[in-house]
Amino acid sequence: MLKAVRKFLKDRSPDWLNVEIDGDLFKNLLSHRVSSQPLSTTPIQNPKSKIQNRSNPKFPHWRRITQVYQLLDRAHESGIVSYTALTDYVRSATGQGCSRKLISKWKKERGWR
């Protein structure tokens, strides 16, 4: 069945899609390119090169989120459970509030919602 599907796709797709790509990927792509514009040869900066000493670079505000989660855990231990009370607790501790969306995410991760 899989061989039949592959044959069907190969027979009905354009030739440039059926090129087998080996170790010389760039050469194959250039030779079967549809547009006539040259590819940019400017080097791409590695985004991770700017990120240093971060434990979780996938989340841009992970330090703030970690801080708020710790405060929300403390507030929950104290018996504070409503969104407005939790926001007020975070604001009183840090001088800056937090969103209802973050509180909702925190509640879901902790299994309280």
PDB file of N, CA and C in Angstrom:
ATOM      1  N   MET A   1       0.826  -1.191   0.000  1.00  0.00           N
ATOM      2  CA  MET A   1       0.000   0.000   0.000  1.00  0.00           C
ATOM      3  C   MET A   1       0.876   1.263   0.000  1.00  0.00           C
ATOM      4  N   LEU A   2       1.896   1.256   0.847  1.00  0.00           N
ATOM      5  CA  LEU A   2       2.785   2.415   0.934  1.00  0.00           C
ATOM      6  C   LEU A   2       3.528   2.639  -0.382  1.00  0.00           C
ATOM      7  N   LYS A   3       3.945   1.553  -1.019  1.00  0.00           N
ATOM      8  CA  LYS A   3       4.634   1.685  -2.300  1.00  0.00           C
ATOM      9  C   LYS A   3       3.708   2.272  -3.355  1.00  0.00           C
ATOM     10  N   ALA A   4       2.450   1.887  -3.322  1.00  0.00           N
ATOM     11  CA  ALA A   4       1.482   2.413  -4.283  1.00  0.00           C
ATOM     12  C   ALA A   4       1.251   3.907  -4.071  1.00  0.00           C
ATOM     13  N   VAL A   5       1.179   4.323  -2.818  1.00  0.00           N
ATOM     14  CA  VAL A   5       0.991   5.744  -2.509  1.00  0.00           C
ATOM     15  C   VAL A   5       2.208   6.544  -2.952  1.00  0.00           C
ATOM     16  N   ARG A   6       3.399   6.037  -2.681  1.00  0.00           N
ATOM     17  CA  ARG A   6       4.618   6.723  -3.105  1.00  0.00           C
ATOM     18  C   ARG A   6       4.680   6.853  -4.626  1.00  0.00           C
ATOM     19  N   LYS A   7       4.337   5.775  -5.339  1.00  0.00           N
ATOM     20  CA  LYS A   7       4.353   5.808  -6.797  1.00  0.00           C
ATOM     21  C   LYS A   7       3.328   6.796  -7.326  1.00  0.00           C
ATOM     22  N   PHE A   8       2.149   6.817  -6.716  1.00  0.00           N
ATOM     23  CA  PHE A   8       1.101   7.748  -7.122  1.00  0.00           C
ATOM     24  C   PHE A   8       1.578   9.191  -6.954  1.00  0.00           C
ATOM     25  N   LEU A   9       2.174   9.505  -5.810  1.00  0.00           N
ATOM     26  CA  LEU A   9       2.663  10.861  -5.555  1.00  0.00           C
ATOM     27  C   LEU A   9       3.807  11.235  -6.493  1.00  0.00           C
ATOM     28  N   LYS A  10       4.696  10.283  -6.740  1.00  0.00           N
ATOM     29  CA  LYS A  10       5.836  10.550  -7.606  1.00  0.00           C
ATOM     30  C   LYS A  10       5.388  10.810  -9.042  1.00  0.00           C
ATOM     31  N   ASP A  11       4.396  10.064  -9.503  1.00  0.00           N
ATOM     32  CA  ASP A  11       3.921  10.223 -10.877  1.00  0.00           C
ATOM     33  C   ASP A  11       3.188  11.546 -11.092  1.00  0.00           C
ATOM     34  N   ARG A  12       2.602  12.087 -10.061  1.00  0.00           N
ATOM     35  CA  ARG A  12       1.779  13.282 -10.216  1.00  0.00           C
ATOM     36  C   ARG A  12       2.426  14.562  -9.697  1.00  0.00           C
ATOM     37  N   SER A  13       3.620  14.487  -9.200  1.00  0.00           N
ATOM     38  CA  SER A  13       4.293  15.684  -8.697  1.00  0.00           C
ATOM     39  C   SER A  13       5.294  16.190  -9.735  1.00  0.00           C
ATOM     40  N   PRO A  14       5.646  17.484  -9.672  1.00  0.00           N
ATOM     41  CA  PRO A  14       6.620  18.023 -10.632  1.00  0.00           C
ATOM     42  C   PRO A  14       7.982  17.348 -10.478  1.00  0.00           C
ATOM     43  N   ASP A  15       8.758  17.375 -11.538  1.00  0.00           N
ATOM     44  CA  ASP A  15      10.062  16.704 -11.544  1.00  0.00           C
ATOM     45  C   ASP A  15      11.004  17.234 -10.467  1.00  0.00           C
ATOM     46  N   TRP A  16      10.968  18.551 -10.244  1.00  0.00           N
ATOM     47  CA  TRP A  16      11.917  19.104  -9.281  1.00  0.00           C
ATOM     48  C   TRP A  16      11.627  18.641  -7.860  1.00  0.00           C
ATOM     49  N   LEU A  17      10.415  18.161  -7.599  1.00  0.00           N
ATOM     50  CA  LEU A  17      10.113  17.620  -6.278  1.00  0.00           C
ATOM     51  C   LEU A  17      10.621  16.184  -6.120  1.00  0.00           C
ATOM     52  N   ASN A  18      10.841  15.519  -7.219  1.00  0.00           N
ATOM     53  CA  ASN A  18      11.262  14.122  -7.169  1.00  0.00           C
ATOM     54  C   ASN A  18      12.769  13.944  -7.159  1.00  0.00           C
ATOM     55  N   VAL A  19      13.504  15.005  -7.068  1.00  0.00           N
ATOM     56  CA  VAL A  19      14.954  14.913  -7.032  1.00  0.00           C
ATOM     57  C   VAL A  19      15.365  14.337  -5.690  1.00  0.00           C
ATOM     58  N   GLU A  20      16.178  13.330  -5.728  1.00  0.00           N
ATOM     59  CA  GLU A  20      16.660  12.728  -4.495  1.00  0.00           C
ATOM     60  C   GLU A  20      17.770  13.604  -3.922  1.00  0.00           C
ATOM     61  N   ILE A  21      17.594  14.013  -2.708  1.00  0.00           N
ATOM     62  CA  ILE A  21      18.557  14.925  -2.081  1.00  0.00           C
ATOM     63  C   ILE A  21      19.562  14.096  -1.306  1.00  0.00           C
ATOM     64  N   ASP A  22      20.802  14.284  -1.639  1.00  0.00           N
ATOM     65  CA  ASP A  22      21.861  13.561  -0.957  1.00  0.00           C
ATOM     66  C   ASP A  22      22.706  14.552  -0.169  1.00  0.00           C
ATOM     67  N   GLY A  23      23.960  14.281   0.014  1.00  0.00           N
ATOM     68  CA  GLY A  23      24.843  15.136   0.790  1.00  0.00           C
ATOM     69  C   GLY A  23      25.059  16.504   0.187  1.00  0.00           C
ATOM     70  N   ASP A  24      24.770  16.655  -1.093  1.00  0.00           N
ATOM     71  CA  ASP A  24      24.992  17.934  -1.759  1.00  0.00           C
ATOM     72  C   ASP A  24      23.659  18.671  -1.907  1.00  0.00           C
ATOM     73  N   LEU A  25      23.012  18.926  -0.811  1.00  0.00           N
ATOM     74  CA  LEU A  25      21.684  19.518  -0.773  1.00  0.00           C
ATOM     75  C   LEU A  25      21.641  20.880  -1.457  1.00  0.00           C
ATOM     76  N   PHE A  26      22.581  21.728  -1.159  1.00  0.00           N
ATOM     77  CA  PHE A  26      22.557  23.085  -1.698  1.00  0.00           C
ATOM     78  C   PHE A  26      22.648  23.075  -3.225  1.00  0.00           C
ATOM     79  N   LYS A  27      23.494  22.210  -3.760  1.00  0.00           N
ATOM     80  CA  LYS A  27      23.655  22.123  -5.218  1.00  0.00           C
ATOM     81  C   LYS A  27      22.355  21.663  -5.867  1.00  0.00           C
ATOM     82  N   ASN A  28      21.700  20.676  -5.291  1.00  0.00           N
ATOM     83  CA  ASN A  28      20.432  20.194  -5.834  1.00  0.00           C
ATOM     84  C   ASN A  28      19.362  21.271  -5.807  1.00  0.00           C
ATOM     85  N   LEU A  29      19.297  22.012  -4.722  1.00  0.00           N
ATOM     86  CA  LEU A  29      18.284  23.051  -4.632  1.00  0.00           C
ATOM     87  C   LEU A  29      18.538  24.160  -5.644  1.00  0.00           C
ATOM     88  N   LEU A  30      19.792  24.522  -5.847  1.00  0.00           N
ATOM     89  CA  LEU A  30      20.101  25.572  -6.815  1.00  0.00           C
ATOM     90  C   LEU A  30      19.815  25.129  -8.242  1.00  0.00           C
ATOM     91  N   SER A  31      20.081  23.885  -8.542  1.00  0.00           N
ATOM     92  CA  SER A  31      19.877  23.429  -9.914  1.00  0.00           C
ATOM     93  C   SER A  31      18.403  23.246 -10.259  1.00  0.00           C
ATOM     94  N   HIS A  32      17.547  23.076  -9.282  1.00  0.00           N
ATOM     95  CA  HIS A  32      16.121  22.848  -9.536  1.00  0.00           C
ATOM     96  C   HIS A  32      15.250  23.983  -9.021  1.00  0.00           C
ATOM     97  N   ARG A  33      15.860  25.124  -8.839  1.00  0.00           N
ATOM     98  CA  ARG A  33      15.139  26.284  -8.328  1.00  0.00           C
ATOM     99  C   ARG A  33      14.237  26.842  -9.415  1.00  0.00           C
ATOM    100  N   VAL A  34      13.036  27.291  -9.032  1.00  0.00           N
ATOM    101  CA  VAL A  34      12.081  27.821  -9.994  1.00  0.00           C
ATOM    102  C   VAL A  34      12.329  29.301 -10.252  1.00  0.00           C
ATOM    103  N   SER A  35      12.552  30.091  -9.218  1.00  0.00           N
ATOM    104  CA  SER A  35      12.729  31.530  -9.415  1.00  0.00           C
ATOM    105  C   SER A  35      14.124  31.826  -9.958  1.00  0.00           C
ATOM    106  N   SER A  36      14.232  32.971 -10.622  1.00  0.00           N
ATOM    107  CA  SER A  36      15.517  33.336 -11.200  1.00  0.00           C
ATOM    108  C   SER A  36      16.303  34.278 -10.295  1.00  0.00           C
ATOM    109  N   GLN A  37      15.767  34.643  -9.140  1.00  0.00           N
ATOM    110  CA  GLN A  37      16.472  35.535  -8.241  1.00  0.00           C
ATOM    111  C   GLN A  37      17.546  34.752  -7.489  1.00  0.00           C
ATOM    112  N   PRO A  38      18.721  35.366  -7.331  1.00  0.00           N
ATOM    113  CA  PRO A  38      19.780  34.661  -6.599  1.00  0.00           C
ATOM    114  C   PRO A  38      19.462  34.570  -5.111  1.00  0.00           C
ATOM    115  N   LEU A  39      19.927  33.508  -4.509  1.00  0.00           N
ATOM    116  CA  LEU A  39      19.743  33.341  -3.079  1.00  0.00           C
ATOM    117  C   LEU A  39      20.658  34.278  -2.322  1.00  0.00           C
ATOM    118  N   SER A  40      20.201  34.734  -1.180  1.00  0.00           N
ATOM    119  CA  SER A  40      21.014  35.609  -0.352  1.00  0.00           C
ATOM    120  C   SER A  40      22.148  34.794   0.270  1.00  0.00           C
ATOM    121  N   THR A  41      23.343  35.344   0.209  1.00  0.00           N
ATOM    122  CA  THR A  41      24.486  34.633   0.777  1.00  0.00           C
ATOM    123  C   THR A  41      24.948  35.251   2.086  1.00  0.00           C
ATOM    124  N   THR A  42      24.123  36.142   2.660  1.00  0.00           N
ATOM    125  CA  THR A  42      24.504  36.736   3.938  1.00  0.00           C
ATOM    126  C   THR A  42      24.382  35.677   5.025  1.00  0.00           C
ATOM    127  N   PRO A  43      25.352  35.606   5.901  1.00  0.00           N
ATOM    128  CA  PRO A  43      25.295  34.589   6.949  1.00  0.00           C
ATOM    129  C   PRO A  43      24.166  34.875   7.937  1.00  0.00           C
ATOM    130  N   ILE A  44      23.524  33.827   8.371  1.00  0.00           N
ATOM    131  CA  ILE A  44      22.450  33.936   9.346  1.00  0.00           C
ATOM    132  C   ILE A  44      23.057  33.849  10.730  1.00  0.00           C
ATOM    133  N   GLN A  45      22.715  34.826  11.578  1.00  0.00           N
ATOM    134  CA  GLN A  45      23.234  34.796  12.930  1.00  0.00           C
ATOM    135  C   GLN A  45      22.510  33.727  13.726  1.00  0.00           C
ATOM    136  N   ASN A  46      23.255  33.050  14.528  1.00  0.00           N
ATOM    137  CA  ASN A  46      22.672  32.054  15.398  1.00  0.00           C
ATOM    138  C   ASN A  46      21.974  32.769  16.545  1.00  0.00           C
ATOM    139  N   PRO A  47      20.634  32.608  16.693  1.00  0.00           N
ATOM    140  CA  PRO A  47      19.944  33.321  17.756  1.00  0.00           C
ATOM    141  C   PRO A  47      20.399  32.901  19.151  1.00  0.00           C
ATOM    142  N   LYS A  48      20.914  31.693  19.284  1.00  0.00           N
ATOM    143  CA  LYS A  48      21.354  31.221  20.592  1.00  0.00           C
ATOM    144  C   LYS A  48      22.689  31.840  21.002  1.00  0.00           C
ATOM    145  N   SER A  49      23.413  32.433  20.045  1.00  0.00           N
ATOM    146  CA  SER A  49      24.694  33.025  20.390  1.00  0.00           C
ATOM    147  C   SER A  49      24.523  34.250  21.274  1.00  0.00           C
ATOM    148  N   LYS A  50      23.375  34.915  21.169  1.00  0.00           N
ATOM    149  CA  LYS A  50      23.114  36.075  22.001  1.00  0.00           C
ATOM    150  C   LYS A  50      22.645  35.669  23.395  1.00  0.00           C
ATOM    151  N   ILE A  51      22.111  34.481  23.505  1.00  0.00           N
ATOM    152  CA  ILE A  51      21.563  34.017  24.771  1.00  0.00           C
ATOM    153  C   ILE A  51      22.669  33.338  25.559  1.00  0.00           C
ATOM    154  N   GLN A  52      22.972  33.895  26.700  1.00  0.00           N
ATOM    155  CA  GLN A  52      24.002  33.306  27.547  1.00  0.00           C
ATOM    156  C   GLN A  52      23.484  33.227  28.968  1.00  0.00           C
ATOM    157  N   ASN A  53      23.841  32.162  29.645  1.00  0.00           N
ATOM    158  CA  ASN A  53      23.496  31.947  31.044  1.00  0.00           C
ATOM    159  C   ASN A  53      21.990  32.005  31.287  1.00  0.00           C
ATOM    160  N   ARG A  54      21.237  31.423  30.407  1.00  0.00           N
ATOM    161  CA  ARG A  54      19.790  31.332  30.600  1.00  0.00           C
ATOM    162  C   ARG A  54      19.435  29.873  30.694  1.00  0.00           C
ATOM    163  N   SER A  55      18.614  29.552  31.666  1.00  0.00           N
ATOM    164  CA  SER A  55      18.291  28.146  31.846  1.00  0.00           C
ATOM    165  C   SER A  55      17.191  27.686  30.903  1.00  0.00           C
ATOM    166  N   ASN A  56      16.349  28.595  30.418  1.00  0.00           N
ATOM    167  CA  ASN A  56      15.295  28.189  29.505  1.00  0.00           C
ATOM    168  C   ASN A  56      15.072  29.270  28.448  1.00  0.00           C
ATOM    169  N   PRO A  57      15.844  29.268  27.374  1.00  0.00           N
ATOM    170  CA  PRO A  57      15.745  30.329  26.376  1.00  0.00           C
ATOM    171  C   PRO A  57      14.488  30.267  25.517  1.00  0.00           C
ATOM    172  N   LYS A  58      13.673  29.215  25.635  1.00  0.00           N
ATOM    173  CA  LYS A  58      12.474  29.125  24.820  1.00  0.00           C
ATOM    174  C   LYS A  58      11.420  30.134  25.268  1.00  0.00           C
ATOM    175  N   PHE A  59      11.442  30.508  26.520  1.00  0.00           N
ATOM    176  CA  PHE A  59      10.471  31.440  27.053  1.00  0.00           C
ATOM    177  C   PHE A  59      11.177  32.750  27.381  1.00  0.00           C
ATOM    178  N   PRO A  60      10.805  33.849  26.717  1.00  0.00           N
ATOM    179  CA  PRO A  60      11.563  35.082  26.880  1.00  0.00           C
ATOM    180  C   PRO A  60      11.500  35.679  28.275  1.00  0.00           C
ATOM    181  N   HIS A  61      10.413  35.472  29.003  1.00  0.00           N
ATOM    182  CA  HIS A  61      10.261  36.069  30.327  1.00  0.00           C
ATOM    183  C   HIS A  61      10.275  35.006  31.409  1.00  0.00           C
ATOM    184  N   TRP A  62      11.131  34.020  31.256  1.00  0.00           N
ATOM    185  CA  TRP A  62      11.087  32.878  32.169  1.00  0.00           C
ATOM    186  C   TRP A  62      11.462  33.262  33.591  1.00  0.00           C
ATOM    187  N   ARG A  63      12.311  34.269  33.774  1.00  0.00           N
ATOM    188  CA  ARG A  63      12.666  34.687  35.138  1.00  0.00           C
ATOM    189  C   ARG A  63      11.451  35.265  35.846  1.00  0.00           C
ATOM    190  N   ARG A  64      10.721  36.122  35.155  1.00  0.00           N
ATOM    191  CA  ARG A  64       9.520  36.731  35.732  1.00  0.00           C
ATOM    192  C   ARG A  64       8.466  35.665  35.989  1.00  0.00           C
ATOM    193  N   ILE A  65       8.283  34.759  35.054  1.00  0.00           N
ATOM    194  CA  ILE A  65       7.284  33.701  35.227  1.00  0.00           C
ATOM    195  C   ILE A  65       7.641  32.838  36.427  1.00  0.00           C
ATOM    196  N   THR A  66       8.913  32.499  36.573  1.00  0.00           N
ATOM    197  CA  THR A  66       9.350  31.698  37.718  1.00  0.00           C
ATOM    198  C   THR A  66       9.088  32.444  39.023  1.00  0.00           C
ATOM    199  N   GLN A  67       9.385  33.724  39.053  1.00  0.00           N
ATOM    200  CA  GLN A  67       9.154  34.531  40.243  1.00  0.00           C
ATOM    201  C   GLN A  67       7.669  34.577  40.586  1.00  0.00           C
ATOM    202  N   VAL A  68       6.814  34.802  39.592  1.00  0.00           N
ATOM    203  CA  VAL A  68       5.376  34.886  39.825  1.00  0.00           C
ATOM    204  C   VAL A  68       4.828  33.532  40.265  1.00  0.00           C
ATOM    205  N   TYR A  69       5.293  32.441  39.663  1.00  0.00           N
ATOM    206  CA  TYR A  69       4.834  31.115  40.064  1.00  0.00           C
ATOM    207  C   TYR A  69       5.170  30.838  41.532  1.00  0.00           C
ATOM    208  N   GLN A  70       6.355  31.228  41.970  1.00  0.00           N
ATOM    209  CA  GLN A  70       6.723  31.030  43.374  1.00  0.00           C
ATOM    210  C   GLN A  70       5.808  31.842  44.289  1.00  0.00           C
ATOM    211  N   LEU A  71       5.514  33.074  43.896  1.00  0.00           N
ATOM    212  CA  LEU A  71       4.613  33.899  44.688  1.00  0.00           C
ATOM    213  C   LEU A  71       3.191  33.324  44.703  1.00  0.00           C
ATOM    214  N   LEU A  72       2.743  32.831  43.562  1.00  0.00           N
ATOM    215  CA  LEU A  72       1.411  32.240  43.500  1.00  0.00           C
ATOM    216  C   LEU A  72       1.326  30.970  44.346  1.00  0.00           C
ATOM    217  N   ASP A  73       2.410  30.193  44.375  1.00  0.00           N
ATOM    218  CA  ASP A  73       2.434  29.013  45.247  1.00  0.00           C
ATOM    219  C   ASP A  73       2.301  29.416  46.710  1.00  0.00           C
ATOM    220  N   ARG A  74       3.043  30.457  47.107  1.00  0.00           N
ATOM    221  CA  ARG A  74       2.957  30.940  48.488  1.00  0.00           C
ATOM    222  C   ARG A  74       1.563  31.468  48.799  1.00  0.00           C
ATOM    223  N   ALA A  75       0.979  32.184  47.850  1.00  0.00           N
ATOM    224  CA  ALA A  75      -0.363  32.730  48.055  1.00  0.00           C
ATOM    225  C   ALA A  75      -1.386  31.604  48.188  1.00  0.00           C
ATOM    226  N   HIS A  76      -1.241  30.565  47.395  1.00  0.00           N
ATOM    227  CA  HIS A  76      -2.168  29.428  47.472  1.00  0.00           C
ATOM    228  C   HIS A  76      -2.048  28.716  48.821  1.00  0.00           C
ATOM    229  N   GLU A  77      -0.823  28.600  49.326  1.00  0.00           N
ATOM    230  CA  GLU A  77      -0.622  27.994  50.646  1.00  0.00           C
ATOM    231  C   GLU A  77      -1.281  28.828  51.736  1.00  0.00           C
ATOM    232  N   SER A  78      -1.359  30.141  51.508  1.00  0.00           N
ATOM    233  CA  SER A  78      -1.992  31.039  52.473  1.00  0.00           C
ATOM    234  C   SER A  78      -3.506  31.047  52.358  1.00  0.00           C
ATOM    235  N   GLY A  79      -4.029  30.394  51.327  1.00  0.00           N
ATOM    236  CA  GLY A  79      -5.476  30.307  51.157  1.00  0.00           C
ATOM    237  C   GLY A  79      -6.048  31.306  50.171  1.00  0.00           C
ATOM    238  N   ILE A  80      -5.220  32.013  49.465  1.00  0.00           N
ATOM    239  CA  ILE A  80      -5.682  32.974  48.458  1.00  0.00           C
ATOM    240  C   ILE A  80      -5.892  32.223  47.147  1.00  0.00           C
ATOM    241  N   VAL A  81      -7.126  32.290  46.614  1.00  0.00           N
ATOM    242  CA  VAL A  81      -7.406  31.518  45.405  1.00  0.00           C
ATOM    243  C   VAL A  81      -8.049  32.320  44.279  1.00  0.00           C
ATOM    244  N   SER A  82      -8.643  33.474  44.561  1.00  0.00           N
ATOM    245  CA  SER A  82      -9.316  34.225  43.492  1.00  0.00           C
ATOM    246  C   SER A  82      -8.293  34.974  42.647  1.00  0.00           C
ATOM    247  N   TYR A  83      -8.684  35.229  41.403  1.00  0.00           N
ATOM    248  CA  TYR A  83      -7.784  35.891  40.458  1.00  0.00           C
ATOM    249  C   TYR A  83      -7.377  37.280  40.948  1.00  0.00           C
ATOM    250  N   THR A  84      -8.348  38.071  41.380  1.00  0.00           N
ATOM    251  CA  THR A  84      -8.022  39.436  41.815  1.00  0.00           C
ATOM    252  C   THR A  84      -7.138  39.429  43.050  1.00  0.00           C
ATOM    253  N   ALA A  85      -7.405  38.532  43.986  1.00  0.00           N
ATOM    254  CA  ALA A  85      -6.581  38.461  45.196  1.00  0.00           C
ATOM    255  C   ALA A  85      -5.164  37.996  44.858  1.00  0.00           C
ATOM    256  N   LEU A  86      -5.039  37.050  43.942  1.00  0.00           N
ATOM    257  CA  LEU A  86      -3.714  36.583  43.531  1.00  0.00           C
ATOM    258  C   LEU A  86      -2.942  37.695  42.825  1.00  0.00           C
ATOM    259  N   THR A  87      -3.619  38.437  41.957  1.00  0.00           N
ATOM    260  CA  THR A  87      -2.967  39.553  41.270  1.00  0.00           C
ATOM    261  C   THR A  87      -2.514  40.612  42.268  1.00  0.00           C
ATOM    262  N   ASP A  88      -3.375  40.911  43.240  1.00  0.00           N
ATOM    263  CA  ASP A  88      -3.010  41.891  44.266  1.00  0.00           C
ATOM    264  C   ASP A  88      -1.826  41.408  45.097  1.00  0.00           C
ATOM    265  N   TYR A  89      -1.791  40.108  45.386  1.00  0.00           N
ATOM    266  CA  TYR A  89      -0.681  39.546  46.162  1.00  0.00           C
ATOM    267  C   TYR A  89       0.645  39.694  45.395  1.00  0.00           C
ATOM    268  N   VAL A  90       0.616  39.379  44.108  1.00  0.00           N
ATOM    269  CA  VAL A  90       1.821  39.503  43.284  1.00  0.00           C
ATOM    270  C   VAL A  90       2.231  40.976  43.180  1.00  0.00           C
ATOM    271  N   ARG A  91       1.238  41.871  43.018  1.00  0.00           N
ATOM    272  CA  ARG A  91       1.544  43.299  42.918  1.00  0.00           C
ATOM    273  C   ARG A  91       2.152  43.823  44.213  1.00  0.00           C
ATOM    274  N   SER A  92       1.655  43.378  45.355  1.00  0.00           N
ATOM    275  CA  SER A  92       2.194  43.858  46.626  1.00  0.00           C
ATOM    276  C   SER A  92       3.613  43.327  46.863  1.00  0.00           C
ATOM    277  N   ALA A  93       3.911  42.149  46.355  1.00  0.00           N
ATOM    278  CA  ALA A  93       5.232  41.553  46.568  1.00  0.00           C
ATOM    279  C   ALA A  93       6.278  42.091  45.598  1.00  0.00           C
ATOM    280  N   THR A  94       5.878  42.358  44.347  1.00  0.00           N
ATOM    281  CA  THR A  94       6.863  42.745  43.332  1.00  0.00           C
ATOM    282  C   THR A  94       6.702  44.172  42.833  1.00  0.00           C
ATOM    283  N   GLY A  95       5.573  44.805  43.133  1.00  0.00           N
ATOM    284  CA  GLY A  95       5.326  46.136  42.611  1.00  0.00           C
ATOM    285  C   GLY A  95       4.746  46.112  41.215  1.00  0.00           C
ATOM    286  N   GLN A  96       4.479  44.928  40.712  1.00  0.00           N
ATOM    287  CA  GLN A  96       3.955  44.759  39.354  1.00  0.00           C
ATOM    288  C   GLN A  96       2.976  43.590  39.388  1.00  0.00           C
ATOM    289  N   GLY A  97       1.820  43.776  38.776  1.00  0.00           N
ATOM    290  CA  GLY A  97       0.822  42.718  38.765  1.00  0.00           C
ATOM    291  C   GLY A  97       1.139  41.633  37.757  1.00  0.00           C
ATOM    292  N   CYS A  98       0.200  40.715  37.607  1.00  0.00           N
ATOM    293  CA  CYS A  98       0.352  39.654  36.588  1.00  0.00           C
ATOM    294  C   CYS A  98      -0.992  39.454  35.907  1.00  0.00           C
ATOM    295  N   SER A  99      -0.974  38.844  34.779  1.00  0.00           N
ATOM    296  CA  SER A  99      -2.193  38.684  33.985  1.00  0.00           C
ATOM    297  C   SER A  99      -3.032  37.513  34.486  1.00  0.00           C
ATOM    298  N   ARG A 100      -4.308  37.592  34.178  1.00  0.00           N
ATOM    299  CA  ARG A 100      -5.212  36.483  34.502  1.00  0.00           C
ATOM    300  C   ARG A 100      -4.827  35.242  33.697  1.00  0.00           C
ATOM    301  N   LYS A 101      -4.309  35.473  32.509  1.00  0.00           N
ATOM    302  CA  LYS A 101      -3.879  34.364  31.655  1.00  0.00           C
ATOM    303  C   LYS A 101      -2.751  33.576  32.312  1.00  0.00           C
ATOM    304  N   LEU A 102      -1.787  34.287  32.917  1.00  0.00           N
ATOM    305  CA  LEU A 102      -0.685  33.610  33.602  1.00  0.00           C
ATOM    306  C   LEU A 102      -1.187  32.848  34.819  1.00  0.00           C
ATOM    307  N   ILE A 103      -2.135  33.446  35.549  1.00  0.00           N
ATOM    308  CA  ILE A 103      -2.704  32.754  36.712  1.00  0.00           C
ATOM    309  C   ILE A 103      -3.455  31.503  36.267  1.00  0.00           C
ATOM    310  N   SER A 104      -4.191  31.616  35.177  1.00  0.00           N
ATOM    311  CA  SER A 104      -4.921  30.463  34.642  1.00  0.00           C
ATOM    312  C   SER A 104      -3.956  29.353  34.236  1.00  0.00           C
ATOM    313  N   LYS A 105      -2.861  29.724  33.578  1.00  0.00           N
ATOM    314  CA  LYS A 105      -1.842  28.748  33.176  1.00  0.00           C
ATOM    315  C   LYS A 105      -1.235  28.068  34.406  1.00  0.00           C
ATOM    316  N   TRP A 106      -0.953  28.874  35.427  1.00  0.00           N
ATOM    317  CA  TRP A 106      -0.401  28.343  36.676  1.00  0.00           C
ATOM    318  C   TRP A 106      -1.368  27.359  37.328  1.00  0.00           C
ATOM    319  N   LYS A 107      -2.658  27.718  37.359  1.00  0.00           N
ATOM    320  CA  LYS A 107      -3.658  26.828  37.963  1.00  0.00           C
ATOM    321  C   LYS A 107      -3.765  25.515  37.184  1.00  0.00           C
ATOM    322  N   LYS A 108      -3.715  25.592  35.860  1.00  0.00           N
ATOM    323  CA  LYS A 108      -3.789  24.379  35.041  1.00  0.00           C
ATOM    324  C   LYS A 108      -2.578  23.486  35.275  1.00  0.00           C
ATOM    325  N   GLU A 109      -1.385  24.097  35.345  1.00  0.00           N
ATOM    326  CA  GLU A 109      -0.175  23.294  35.563  1.00  0.00           C
ATOM    327  C   GLU A 109      -0.155  22.638  36.934  1.00  0.00           C
ATOM    328  N   ARG A 110      -0.769  23.293  37.913  1.00  0.00           N
ATOM    329  CA  ARG A 110      -0.798  22.738  39.271  1.00  0.00           C
ATOM    330  C   ARG A 110      -1.962  21.776  39.477  1.00  0.00           C
ATOM    331  N   GLY A 111      -2.886  21.728  38.505  1.00  0.00           N
ATOM    332  CA  GLY A 111      -4.016  20.805  38.604  1.00  0.00           C
ATOM    333  C   GLY A 111      -5.154  21.329  39.457  1.00  0.00           C
ATOM    334  N   TRP A 112      -5.246  22.628  39.638  1.00  0.00           N
ATOM    335  CA  TRP A 112      -6.300  23.202  40.460  1.00  0.00           C
ATOM    336  C   TRP A 112      -7.439  23.747  39.619  1.00  0.00           C
ATOM    337  N   ARG A 113      -7.399  23.481  38.341  1.00  0.00           N
ATOM    338  CA  ARG A 113      -8.447  23.989  37.455  1.00  0.00           C
ATOM    339  C   ARG A 113      -8.810  22.953  36.435  1.00  0.00           C
TER     340      ARG A 113
END
